[in-house]
Amino acid sequence: KYKLTDGNFANIQTNFGSCILRVKVT
């Protein structure tokens, strides 16, 4: 749905900050 693939990266955002993590689809 959010166009993420296993092993690539994603930006996670909340009202309090953000970070970039490697994606693990499970």
mmCIF file of all heavy atoms, coordinates in Angstrom:
data_MODEL
# 
_entry.id   MODEL 
# 
loop_
_atom_site.group_PDB 
_atom_site.id 
_atom_site.type_symbol 
_atom_site.label_atom_id 
_atom_site.label_alt_id 
_atom_site.label_comp_id 
_atom_site.label_asym_id 
_atom_site.label_entity_id 
_atom_site.label_seq_id 
_atom_site.pdbx_PDB_ins_code 
_atom_site.Cartn_x 
_atom_site.Cartn_y 
_atom_site.Cartn_z 
_atom_site.occupancy 
_atom_site.B_iso_or_equiv 
_atom_site.pdbx_formal_charge 
_atom_site.auth_seq_id 
_atom_site.auth_comp_id 
_atom_site.auth_asym_id 
_atom_site.auth_atom_id 
_atom_site.pdbx_PDB_model_num 
ATOM 1   N N   . LYS A 1 1  ? 0.821  -1.213  0.000  1.00 0.00 ? 1  LYS A N   1 
ATOM 2   C CA  . LYS A 1 1  ? 0.000  0.000   0.000  1.00 0.00 ? 1  LYS A CA  1 
ATOM 3   C C   . LYS A 1 1  ? 0.854  1.261   0.000  1.00 0.00 ? 1  LYS A C   1 
ATOM 4   O O   . LYS A 1 1  ? 0.547  2.240   -0.699 1.00 0.00 ? 1  LYS A O   1 
ATOM 5   C CB  . LYS A 1 1  ? -0.922 -0.011  1.219  1.00 0.00 ? 1  LYS A CB  1 
ATOM 6   C CG  . LYS A 1 1  ? -1.816 1.213   1.334  1.00 0.00 ? 1  LYS A CG  1 
ATOM 7   C CD  . LYS A 1 1  ? -2.722 1.102   2.560  1.00 0.00 ? 1  LYS A CD  1 
ATOM 8   C CE  . LYS A 1 1  ? -3.618 2.325   2.702  1.00 0.00 ? 1  LYS A CE  1 
ATOM 9   N NZ  . LYS A 1 1  ? -4.507 2.213   3.898  1.00 0.00 ? 1  LYS A NZ  1 
ATOM 10  N N   . TYR A 1 2  ? 1.961  1.242   0.765  1.00 0.00 ? 2  TYR A N   1 
ATOM 11  C CA  . TYR A 1 2  ? 2.810  2.430   0.880  1.00 0.00 ? 2  TYR A CA  1 
ATOM 12  C C   . TYR A 1 2  ? 4.059  2.345   0.015  1.00 0.00 ? 2  TYR A C   1 
ATOM 13  O O   . TYR A 1 2  ? 4.992  3.123   0.206  1.00 0.00 ? 2  TYR A O   1 
ATOM 14  C CB  . TYR A 1 2  ? 3.172  2.645   2.353  1.00 0.00 ? 2  TYR A CB  1 
ATOM 15  C CG  . TYR A 1 2  ? 1.965  2.935   3.205  1.00 0.00 ? 2  TYR A CG  1 
ATOM 16  C CD1 . TYR A 1 2  ? 1.429  1.946   4.042  1.00 0.00 ? 2  TYR A CD1 1 
ATOM 17  C CD2 . TYR A 1 2  ? 1.323  4.170   3.163  1.00 0.00 ? 2  TYR A CD2 1 
ATOM 18  C CE1 . TYR A 1 2  ? 0.303  2.201   4.816  1.00 0.00 ? 2  TYR A CE1 1 
ATOM 19  C CE2 . TYR A 1 2  ? 0.208  4.428   3.927  1.00 0.00 ? 2  TYR A CE2 1 
ATOM 20  C CZ  . TYR A 1 2  ? -0.308 3.438   4.746  1.00 0.00 ? 2  TYR A CZ  1 
ATOM 21  O OH  . TYR A 1 2  ? -1.433 3.688   5.504  1.00 0.00 ? 2  TYR A OH  1 
ATOM 22  N N   . LYS A 1 3  ? 4.056  1.384   -0.925 1.00 0.00 ? 3  LYS A N   1 
ATOM 23  C CA  . LYS A 1 3  ? 5.112  1.266   -1.948 1.00 0.00 ? 3  LYS A CA  1 
ATOM 24  C C   . LYS A 1 3  ? 6.496  1.036   -1.332 1.00 0.00 ? 3  LYS A C   1 
ATOM 25  O O   . LYS A 1 3  ? 7.493  1.642   -1.732 1.00 0.00 ? 3  LYS A O   1 
ATOM 26  C CB  . LYS A 1 3  ? 5.121  2.497   -2.857 1.00 0.00 ? 3  LYS A CB  1 
ATOM 27  C CG  . LYS A 1 3  ? 3.794  2.786   -3.535 1.00 0.00 ? 3  LYS A CG  1 
ATOM 28  C CD  . LYS A 1 3  ? 3.884  3.933   -4.512 1.00 0.00 ? 3  LYS A CD  1 
ATOM 29  C CE  . LYS A 1 3  ? 2.521  4.316   -5.084 1.00 0.00 ? 3  LYS A CE  1 
ATOM 30  N NZ  . LYS A 1 3  ? 1.680  3.207   -5.458 1.00 0.00 ? 3  LYS A NZ  1 
ATOM 31  N N   . LEU A 1 4  ? 6.540  0.163   -0.345 1.00 0.00 ? 4  LEU A N   1 
ATOM 32  C CA  . LEU A 1 4  ? 7.791  -0.186  0.312  1.00 0.00 ? 4  LEU A CA  1 
ATOM 33  C C   . LEU A 1 4  ? 8.211  -1.590  -0.098 1.00 0.00 ? 4  LEU A C   1 
ATOM 34  O O   . LEU A 1 4  ? 7.370  -2.467  -0.297 1.00 0.00 ? 4  LEU A O   1 
ATOM 35  C CB  . LEU A 1 4  ? 7.639  -0.125  1.829  1.00 0.00 ? 4  LEU A CB  1 
ATOM 36  C CG  . LEU A 1 4  ? 7.172  1.206   2.413  1.00 0.00 ? 4  LEU A CG  1 
ATOM 37  C CD1 . LEU A 1 4  ? 6.953  1.062   3.914  1.00 0.00 ? 4  LEU A CD1 1 
ATOM 38  C CD2 . LEU A 1 4  ? 8.182  2.310   2.133  1.00 0.00 ? 4  LEU A CD2 1 
ATOM 39  N N   . THR A 1 5  ? 9.506  -1.800  -0.238 1.00 0.00 ? 5  THR A N   1 
ATOM 40  C CA  . THR A 1 5  ? 10.020 -3.114  -0.598 1.00 0.00 ? 5  THR A CA  1 
ATOM 41  C C   . THR A 1 5  ? 11.012 -3.588  0.454  1.00 0.00 ? 5  THR A C   1 
ATOM 42  O O   . THR A 1 5  ? 11.734 -2.790  1.057  1.00 0.00 ? 5  THR A O   1 
ATOM 43  C CB  . THR A 1 5  ? 10.717 -3.081  -1.974 1.00 0.00 ? 5  THR A CB  1 
ATOM 44  O OG1 . THR A 1 5  ? 11.728 -2.075  -1.959 1.00 0.00 ? 5  THR A OG1 1 
ATOM 45  C CG2 . THR A 1 5  ? 9.713  -2.781  -3.072 1.00 0.00 ? 5  THR A CG2 1 
ATOM 46  N N   . ASP A 1 6  ? 11.035 -4.889  0.648  1.00 0.00 ? 6  ASP A N   1 
ATOM 47  C CA  . ASP A 1 6  ? 11.906 -5.485  1.651  1.00 0.00 ? 6  ASP A CA  1 
ATOM 48  C C   . ASP A 1 6  ? 13.373 -5.179  1.351  1.00 0.00 ? 6  ASP A C   1 
ATOM 49  O O   . ASP A 1 6  ? 13.836 -5.350  0.226  1.00 0.00 ? 6  ASP A O   1 
ATOM 50  C CB  . ASP A 1 6  ? 11.684 -7.003  1.681  1.00 0.00 ? 6  ASP A CB  1 
ATOM 51  C CG  . ASP A 1 6  ? 12.404 -7.659  2.838  1.00 0.00 ? 6  ASP A CG  1 
ATOM 52  O OD1 . ASP A 1 6  ? 11.960 -7.483  3.978  1.00 0.00 ? 6  ASP A OD1 1 
ATOM 53  O OD2 . ASP A 1 6  ? 13.418 -8.338  2.598  1.00 0.00 ? 6  ASP A OD2 1 
ATOM 54  N N   . GLY A 1 7  ? 14.118 -4.707  2.355  1.00 0.00 ? 7  GLY A N   1 
ATOM 55  C CA  . GLY A 1 7  ? 15.535 -4.403  2.192  1.00 0.00 ? 7  GLY A CA  1 
ATOM 56  C C   . GLY A 1 7  ? 15.840 -2.970  1.813  1.00 0.00 ? 7  GLY A C   1 
ATOM 57  O O   . GLY A 1 7  ? 16.986 -2.533  1.944  1.00 0.00 ? 7  GLY A O   1 
ATOM 58  N N   . ASN A 1 8  ? 14.839 -2.228  1.336  1.00 0.00 ? 8  ASN A N   1 
ATOM 59  C CA  . ASN A 1 8  ? 15.052 -0.813  1.033  1.00 0.00 ? 8  ASN A CA  1 
ATOM 60  C C   . ASN A 1 8  ? 14.764 0.035   2.283  1.00 0.00 ? 8  ASN A C   1 
ATOM 61  O O   . ASN A 1 8  ? 14.583 -0.492  3.362  1.00 0.00 ? 8  ASN A O   1 
ATOM 62  C CB  . ASN A 1 8  ? 14.185 -0.377  -0.144 1.00 0.00 ? 8  ASN A CB  1 
ATOM 63  C CG  . ASN A 1 8  ? 14.772 -0.827  -1.470 1.00 0.00 ? 8  ASN A CG  1 
ATOM 64  O OD1 . ASN A 1 8  ? 15.965 -1.122  -1.566 1.00 0.00 ? 8  ASN A OD1 1 
ATOM 65  N ND2 . ASN A 1 8  ? 13.934 -0.904  -2.488 1.00 0.00 ? 8  ASN A ND2 1 
ATOM 66  N N   . PHE A 1 9  ? 14.700 1.353   2.098  1.00 0.00 ? 9  PHE A N   1 
ATOM 67  C CA  . PHE A 1 9  ? 14.573 2.244   3.250  1.00 0.00 ? 9  PHE A CA  1 
ATOM 68  C C   . PHE A 1 9  ? 13.224 2.955   3.267  1.00 0.00 ? 9  PHE A C   1 
ATOM 69  O O   . PHE A 1 9  ? 12.562 3.095   2.231  1.00 0.00 ? 9  PHE A O   1 
ATOM 70  C CB  . PHE A 1 9  ? 15.695 3.284   3.246  1.00 0.00 ? 9  PHE A CB  1 
ATOM 71  C CG  . PHE A 1 9  ? 17.042 2.711   3.541  1.00 0.00 ? 9  PHE A CG  1 
ATOM 72  C CD1 . PHE A 1 9  ? 17.841 2.232   2.512  1.00 0.00 ? 9  PHE A CD1 1 
ATOM 73  C CD2 . PHE A 1 9  ? 17.516 2.625   4.847  1.00 0.00 ? 9  PHE A CD2 1 
ATOM 74  C CE1 . PHE A 1 9  ? 19.090 1.688   2.777  1.00 0.00 ? 9  PHE A CE1 1 
ATOM 75  C CE2 . PHE A 1 9  ? 18.756 2.091   5.110  1.00 0.00 ? 9  PHE A CE2 1 
ATOM 76  C CZ  . PHE A 1 9  ? 19.547 1.623   4.074  1.00 0.00 ? 9  PHE A CZ  1 
ATOM 77  N N   . ALA A 1 10 ? 12.847 3.408   4.448  1.00 0.00 ? 10 ALA A N   1 
ATOM 78  C CA  . ALA A 1 10 ? 11.607 4.160   4.618  1.00 0.00 ? 10 ALA A CA  1 
ATOM 79  C C   . ALA A 1 10 ? 11.823 5.282   5.616  1.00 0.00 ? 10 ALA A C   1 
ATOM 80  O O   . ALA A 1 10 ? 12.598 5.145   6.566  1.00 0.00 ? 10 ALA A O   1 
ATOM 81  C CB  . ALA A 1 10 ? 10.484 3.244   5.092  1.00 0.00 ? 10 ALA A CB  1 
ATOM 82  N N   . ASN A 1 11 ? 11.126 6.375   5.383  1.00 0.00 ? 11 ASN A N   1 
ATOM 83  C CA  . ASN A 1 11 ? 11.117 7.490   6.323  1.00 0.00 ? 11 ASN A CA  1 
ATOM 84  C C   . ASN A 1 11 ? 9.861  7.385   7.187  1.00 0.00 ? 11 ASN A C   1 
ATOM 85  O O   . ASN A 1 11 ? 8.751  7.337   6.676  1.00 0.00 ? 11 ASN A O   1 
ATOM 86  C CB  . ASN A 1 11 ? 11.119 8.829   5.583  1.00 0.00 ? 11 ASN A CB  1 
ATOM 87  C CG  . ASN A 1 11 ? 11.122 10.001  6.541  1.00 0.00 ? 11 ASN A CG  1 
ATOM 88  O OD1 . ASN A 1 11 ? 12.113 10.300  7.194  1.00 0.00 ? 11 ASN A OD1 1 
ATOM 89  N ND2 . ASN A 1 11 ? 9.983  10.691  6.616  1.00 0.00 ? 11 ASN A ND2 1 
ATOM 90  N N   . ILE A 1 12 ? 10.071 7.314   8.499  1.00 0.00 ? 12 ILE A N   1 
ATOM 91  C CA  . ILE A 1 12 ? 8.960  7.242   9.443  1.00 0.00 ? 12 ILE A CA  1 
ATOM 92  C C   . ILE A 1 12 ? 8.792  8.611   10.078 1.00 0.00 ? 12 ILE A C   1 
ATOM 93  O O   . ILE A 1 12 ? 9.748  9.184   10.603 1.00 0.00 ? 12 ILE A O   1 
ATOM 94  C CB  . ILE A 1 12 ? 9.203  6.182   10.528 1.00 0.00 ? 12 ILE A CB  1 
ATOM 95  C CG1 . ILE A 1 12 ? 9.435  4.819   9.892  1.00 0.00 ? 12 ILE A CG1 1 
ATOM 96  C CG2 . ILE A 1 12 ? 8.011  6.103   11.475 1.00 0.00 ? 12 ILE A CG2 1 
ATOM 97  C CD1 . ILE A 1 12 ? 10.875 4.496   9.634  1.00 0.00 ? 12 ILE A CD1 1 
ATOM 98  N N   . GLN A 1 13 ? 7.575  9.137   10.047 1.00 0.00 ? 13 GLN A N   1 
ATOM 99  C CA  . GLN A 1 13 ? 7.308  10.486  10.538 1.00 0.00 ? 13 GLN A CA  1 
ATOM 100 C C   . GLN A 1 13 ? 6.168  10.442  11.551 1.00 0.00 ? 13 GLN A C   1 
ATOM 101 O O   . GLN A 1 13 ? 5.152  9.784   11.342 1.00 0.00 ? 13 GLN A O   1 
ATOM 102 C CB  . GLN A 1 13 ? 6.914  11.395  9.373  1.00 0.00 ? 13 GLN A CB  1 
ATOM 103 C CG  . GLN A 1 13 ? 6.587  12.831  9.765  1.00 0.00 ? 13 GLN A CG  1 
ATOM 104 C CD  . GLN A 1 13 ? 7.825  13.690  9.885  1.00 0.00 ? 13 GLN A CD  1 
ATOM 105 O OE1 . GLN A 1 13 ? 8.750  13.550  9.100  1.00 0.00 ? 13 GLN A OE1 1 
ATOM 106 N NE2 . GLN A 1 13 ? 7.839  14.593  10.849 1.00 0.00 ? 13 GLN A NE2 1 
ATOM 107 N N   . THR A 1 14 ? 6.350  11.143  12.674 1.00 0.00 ? 14 THR A N   1 
ATOM 108 C CA  . THR A 1 14 ? 5.271  11.363  13.628 1.00 0.00 ? 14 THR A CA  1 
ATOM 109 C C   . THR A 1 14 ? 5.211  12.853  13.949 1.00 0.00 ? 14 THR A C   1 
ATOM 110 O O   . THR A 1 14 ? 5.996  13.644  13.406 1.00 0.00 ? 14 THR A O   1 
ATOM 111 C CB  . THR A 1 14 ? 5.482  10.569  14.941 1.00 0.00 ? 14 THR A CB  1 
ATOM 112 O OG1 . THR A 1 14 ? 6.546  11.190  15.693 1.00 0.00 ? 14 THR A OG1 1 
ATOM 113 C CG2 . THR A 1 14 ? 5.826  9.119   14.670 1.00 0.00 ? 14 THR A CG2 1 
ATOM 114 N N   . ASN A 1 15 ? 4.325  13.235  14.827 1.00 0.00 ? 15 ASN A N   1 
ATOM 115 C CA  . ASN A 1 15 ? 4.237  14.637  15.246 1.00 0.00 ? 15 ASN A CA  1 
ATOM 116 C C   . ASN A 1 15 ? 5.461  15.089  16.020 1.00 0.00 ? 15 ASN A C   1 
ATOM 117 O O   . ASN A 1 15 ? 5.640  16.292  16.272 1.00 0.00 ? 15 ASN A O   1 
ATOM 118 C CB  . ASN A 1 15 ? 2.994  14.859  16.109 1.00 0.00 ? 15 ASN A CB  1 
ATOM 119 C CG  . ASN A 1 15 ? 1.795  15.304  15.288 1.00 0.00 ? 15 ASN A CG  1 
ATOM 120 O OD1 . ASN A 1 15 ? 1.951  16.009  14.295 1.00 0.00 ? 15 ASN A OD1 1 
ATOM 121 N ND2 . ASN A 1 15 ? 0.617  14.882  15.697 1.00 0.00 ? 15 ASN A ND2 1 
ATOM 122 N N   . PHE A 1 16 ? 6.327  14.152  16.407 1.00 0.00 ? 16 PHE A N   1 
ATOM 123 C CA  . PHE A 1 16 ? 7.423  14.467  17.314 1.00 0.00 ? 16 PHE A CA  1 
ATOM 124 C C   . PHE A 1 16 ? 8.805  14.295  16.697 1.00 0.00 ? 16 PHE A C   1 
ATOM 125 O O   . PHE A 1 16 ? 9.803  14.695  17.290 1.00 0.00 ? 16 PHE A O   1 
ATOM 126 C CB  . PHE A 1 16 ? 7.304  13.593  18.565 1.00 0.00 ? 16 PHE A CB  1 
ATOM 127 C CG  . PHE A 1 16 ? 5.934  13.625  19.159 1.00 0.00 ? 16 PHE A CG  1 
ATOM 128 C CD1 . PHE A 1 16 ? 5.010  12.638  18.860 1.00 0.00 ? 16 PHE A CD1 1 
ATOM 129 C CD2 . PHE A 1 16 ? 5.544  14.674  19.969 1.00 0.00 ? 16 PHE A CD2 1 
ATOM 130 C CE1 . PHE A 1 16 ? 3.725  12.676  19.383 1.00 0.00 ? 16 PHE A CE1 1 
ATOM 131 C CE2 . PHE A 1 16 ? 4.259  14.728  20.497 1.00 0.00 ? 16 PHE A CE2 1 
ATOM 132 C CZ  . PHE A 1 16 ? 3.343  13.729  20.194 1.00 0.00 ? 16 PHE A CZ  1 
ATOM 133 N N   . GLY A 1 17 ? 8.882  13.709  15.495 1.00 0.00 ? 17 GLY A N   1 
ATOM 134 C CA  . GLY A 1 17 ? 10.173 13.530  14.863 1.00 0.00 ? 17 GLY A CA  1 
ATOM 135 C C   . GLY A 1 17 ? 10.094 12.577  13.698 1.00 0.00 ? 17 GLY A C   1 
ATOM 136 O O   . GLY A 1 17 ? 9.017  12.114  13.304 1.00 0.00 ? 17 GLY A O   1 
ATOM 137 N N   . SER A 1 18 ? 11.262 12.279  13.123 1.00 0.00 ? 18 SER A N   1 
ATOM 138 C CA  . SER A 1 18 ? 11.324 11.361  11.989 1.00 0.00 ? 18 SER A CA  1 
ATOM 139 C C   . SER A 1 18 ? 12.643 10.621  12.013 1.00 0.00 ? 18 SER A C   1 
ATOM 140 O O   . SER A 1 18 ? 13.621 11.055  12.644 1.00 0.00 ? 18 SER A O   1 
ATOM 141 C CB  . SER A 1 18 ? 11.166 12.119  10.666 1.00 0.00 ? 18 SER A CB  1 
ATOM 142 O OG  . SER A 1 18 ? 12.273 12.990  10.463 1.00 0.00 ? 18 SER A OG  1 
ATOM 143 N N   . CYS A 1 19 ? 12.687 9.493   11.328 1.00 0.00 ? 19 CYS A N   1 
ATOM 144 C CA  . CYS A 1 19 ? 13.932 8.752   11.171 1.00 0.00 ? 19 CYS A CA  1 
ATOM 145 C C   . CYS A 1 19 ? 13.840 7.888   9.912  1.00 0.00 ? 19 CYS A C   1 
ATOM 146 O O   . CYS A 1 19 ? 12.763 7.736   9.326  1.00 0.00 ? 19 CYS A O   1 
ATOM 147 C CB  . CYS A 1 19 ? 14.246 7.900   12.401 1.00 0.00 ? 19 CYS A CB  1 
ATOM 148 S SG  . CYS A 1 19 ? 13.114 6.535   12.656 1.00 0.00 ? 19 CYS A SG  1 
ATOM 149 N N   . ILE A 1 20 ? 14.971 7.345   9.504  1.00 0.00 ? 20 ILE A N   1 
ATOM 150 C CA  . ILE A 1 20 ? 15.032 6.506   8.313  1.00 0.00 ? 20 ILE A CA  1 
ATOM 151 C C   . ILE A 1 20 ? 15.550 5.133   8.708  1.00 0.00 ? 20 ILE A C   1 
ATOM 152 O O   . ILE A 1 20 ? 16.621 5.015   9.312  1.00 0.00 ? 20 ILE A O   1 
ATOM 153 C CB  . ILE A 1 20 ? 15.937 7.142   7.241  1.00 0.00 ? 20 ILE A CB  1 
ATOM 154 C CG1 . ILE A 1 20 ? 15.336 8.472   6.778  1.00 0.00 ? 20 ILE A CG1 1 
ATOM 155 C CG2 . ILE A 1 20 ? 16.106 6.189   6.052  1.00 0.00 ? 20 ILE A CG2 1 
ATOM 156 C CD1 . ILE A 1 20 ? 16.207 9.238   5.802  1.00 0.00 ? 20 ILE A CD1 1 
ATOM 157 N N   . LEU A 1 21 ? 14.783 4.098   8.364  1.00 0.00 ? 21 LEU A N   1 
ATOM 158 C CA  . LEU A 1 21 ? 15.131 2.737   8.742  1.00 0.00 ? 21 LEU A CA  1 
ATOM 159 C C   . LEU A 1 21 ? 15.015 1.802   7.547  1.00 0.00 ? 21 LEU A C   1 
ATOM 160 O O   . LEU A 1 21 ? 14.272 2.066   6.605  1.00 0.00 ? 21 LEU A O   1 
ATOM 161 C CB  . LEU A 1 21 ? 14.196 2.232   9.853  1.00 0.00 ? 21 LEU A CB  1 
ATOM 162 C CG  . LEU A 1 21 ? 14.148 3.048   11.146 1.00 0.00 ? 21 LEU A CG  1 
ATOM 163 C CD1 . LEU A 1 21 ? 13.081 2.484   12.077 1.00 0.00 ? 21 LEU A CD1 1 
ATOM 164 C CD2 . LEU A 1 21 ? 15.503 3.066   11.826 1.00 0.00 ? 21 LEU A CD2 1 
ATOM 165 N N   . ARG A 1 22 ? 15.780 0.715   7.615  1.00 0.00 ? 22 ARG A N   1 
ATOM 166 C CA  . ARG A 1 22 ? 15.670 -0.304  6.577  1.00 0.00 ? 22 ARG A CA  1 
ATOM 167 C C   . ARG A 1 22 ? 14.395 -1.111  6.788  1.00 0.00 ? 22 ARG A C   1 
ATOM 168 O O   . ARG A 1 22 ? 14.055 -1.484  7.912  1.00 0.00 ? 22 ARG A O   1 
ATOM 169 C CB  . ARG A 1 22 ? 16.886 -1.229  6.581  1.00 0.00 ? 22 ARG A CB  1 
ATOM 170 C CG  . ARG A 1 22 ? 16.946 -2.146  5.353  1.00 0.00 ? 22 ARG A CG  1 
ATOM 171 C CD  . ARG A 1 22 ? 18.122 -3.081  5.405  1.00 0.00 ? 22 ARG A CD  1 
ATOM 172 N NE  . ARG A 1 22 ? 19.392 -2.389  5.316  1.00 0.00 ? 22 ARG A NE  1 
ATOM 173 C CZ  . ARG A 1 22 ? 19.977 -2.015  4.178  1.00 0.00 ? 22 ARG A CZ  1 
ATOM 174 N NH1 . ARG A 1 22 ? 19.346 -2.238  3.020  1.00 0.00 ? 22 ARG A NH1 1 
ATOM 175 N NH2 . ARG A 1 22 ? 21.148 -1.434  4.179  1.00 0.00 ? 22 ARG A NH2 1 
ATOM 176 N N   . VAL A 1 23 ? 13.712 -1.412  5.690  1.00 0.00 ? 23 VAL A N   1 
ATOM 177 C CA  . VAL A 1 23 ? 12.411 -2.072  5.744  1.00 0.00 ? 23 VAL A CA  1 
ATOM 178 C C   . VAL A 1 23 ? 12.572 -3.591  5.815  1.00 0.00 ? 23 VAL A C   1 
ATOM 179 O O   . VAL A 1 23 ? 13.349 -4.185  5.068  1.00 0.00 ? 23 VAL A O   1 
ATOM 180 C CB  . VAL A 1 23 ? 11.565 -1.698  4.515  1.00 0.00 ? 23 VAL A CB  1 
ATOM 181 C CG1 . VAL A 1 23 ? 10.250 -2.478  4.500  1.00 0.00 ? 23 VAL A CG1 1 
ATOM 182 C CG2 . VAL A 1 23 ? 11.296 -0.198  4.491  1.00 0.00 ? 23 VAL A CG2 1 
ATOM 183 N N   . LYS A 1 24 ? 11.817 -4.189  6.715  1.00 0.00 ? 24 LYS A N   1 
ATOM 184 C CA  . LYS A 1 24 ? 11.704 -5.644  6.788  1.00 0.00 ? 24 LYS A CA  1 
ATOM 185 C C   . LYS A 1 24 ? 10.233 -6.001  6.664  1.00 0.00 ? 24 LYS A C   1 
ATOM 186 O O   . LYS A 1 24 ? 9.439  -5.750  7.562  1.00 0.00 ? 24 LYS A O   1 
ATOM 187 C CB  . LYS A 1 24 ? 12.262 -6.167  8.116  1.00 0.00 ? 24 LYS A CB  1 
ATOM 188 C CG  . LYS A 1 24 ? 12.171 -7.679  8.255  1.00 0.00 ? 24 LYS A CG  1 
ATOM 189 C CD  . LYS A 1 24 ? 12.749 -8.157  9.583  1.00 0.00 ? 24 LYS A CD  1 
ATOM 190 C CE  . LYS A 1 24 ? 12.665 -9.669  9.713  1.00 0.00 ? 24 LYS A CE  1 
ATOM 191 N NZ  . LYS A 1 24 ? 13.229 -10.142 11.009 1.00 0.00 ? 24 LYS A NZ  1 
ATOM 192 N N   . VAL A 1 25 ? 9.865  -6.577  5.529  1.00 0.00 ? 25 VAL A N   1 
ATOM 193 C CA  . VAL A 1 25 ? 8.478  -6.961  5.288  1.00 0.00 ? 25 VAL A CA  1 
ATOM 194 C C   . VAL A 1 25 ? 8.253  -8.352  5.877  1.00 0.00 ? 25 VAL A C   1 
ATOM 195 O O   . VAL A 1 25 ? 8.953  -9.301  5.534  1.00 0.00 ? 25 VAL A O   1 
ATOM 196 C CB  . VAL A 1 25 ? 8.164  -6.965  3.782  1.00 0.00 ? 25 VAL A CB  1 
ATOM 197 C CG1 . VAL A 1 25 ? 6.716  -7.386  3.545  1.00 0.00 ? 25 VAL A CG1 1 
ATOM 198 C CG2 . VAL A 1 25 ? 8.421  -5.586  3.181  1.00 0.00 ? 25 VAL A CG2 1 
ATOM 199 N N   . THR A 1 26 ? 7.284  -8.465  6.781  1.00 0.00 ? 26 THR A N   1 
ATOM 200 C CA  . THR A 1 26 ? 7.047  -9.732  7.458  1.00 0.00 ? 26 THR A CA  1 
ATOM 201 C C   . THR A 1 26 ? 5.568  -9.898  7.809  1.00 0.00 ? 26 THR A C   1 
ATOM 202 O O   . THR A 1 26 ? 4.945  -8.960  8.312  1.00 0.00 ? 26 THR A O   1 
ATOM 203 C CB  . THR A 1 26 ? 7.892  -9.844  8.736  1.00 0.00 ? 26 THR A CB  1 
ATOM 204 O OG1 . THR A 1 26 ? 7.482  -10.995 9.485  1.00 0.00 ? 26 THR A OG1 1 
ATOM 205 C CG2 . THR A 1 26 ? 7.754  -8.615  9.607  1.00 0.00 ? 26 THR A CG2 1 
# 
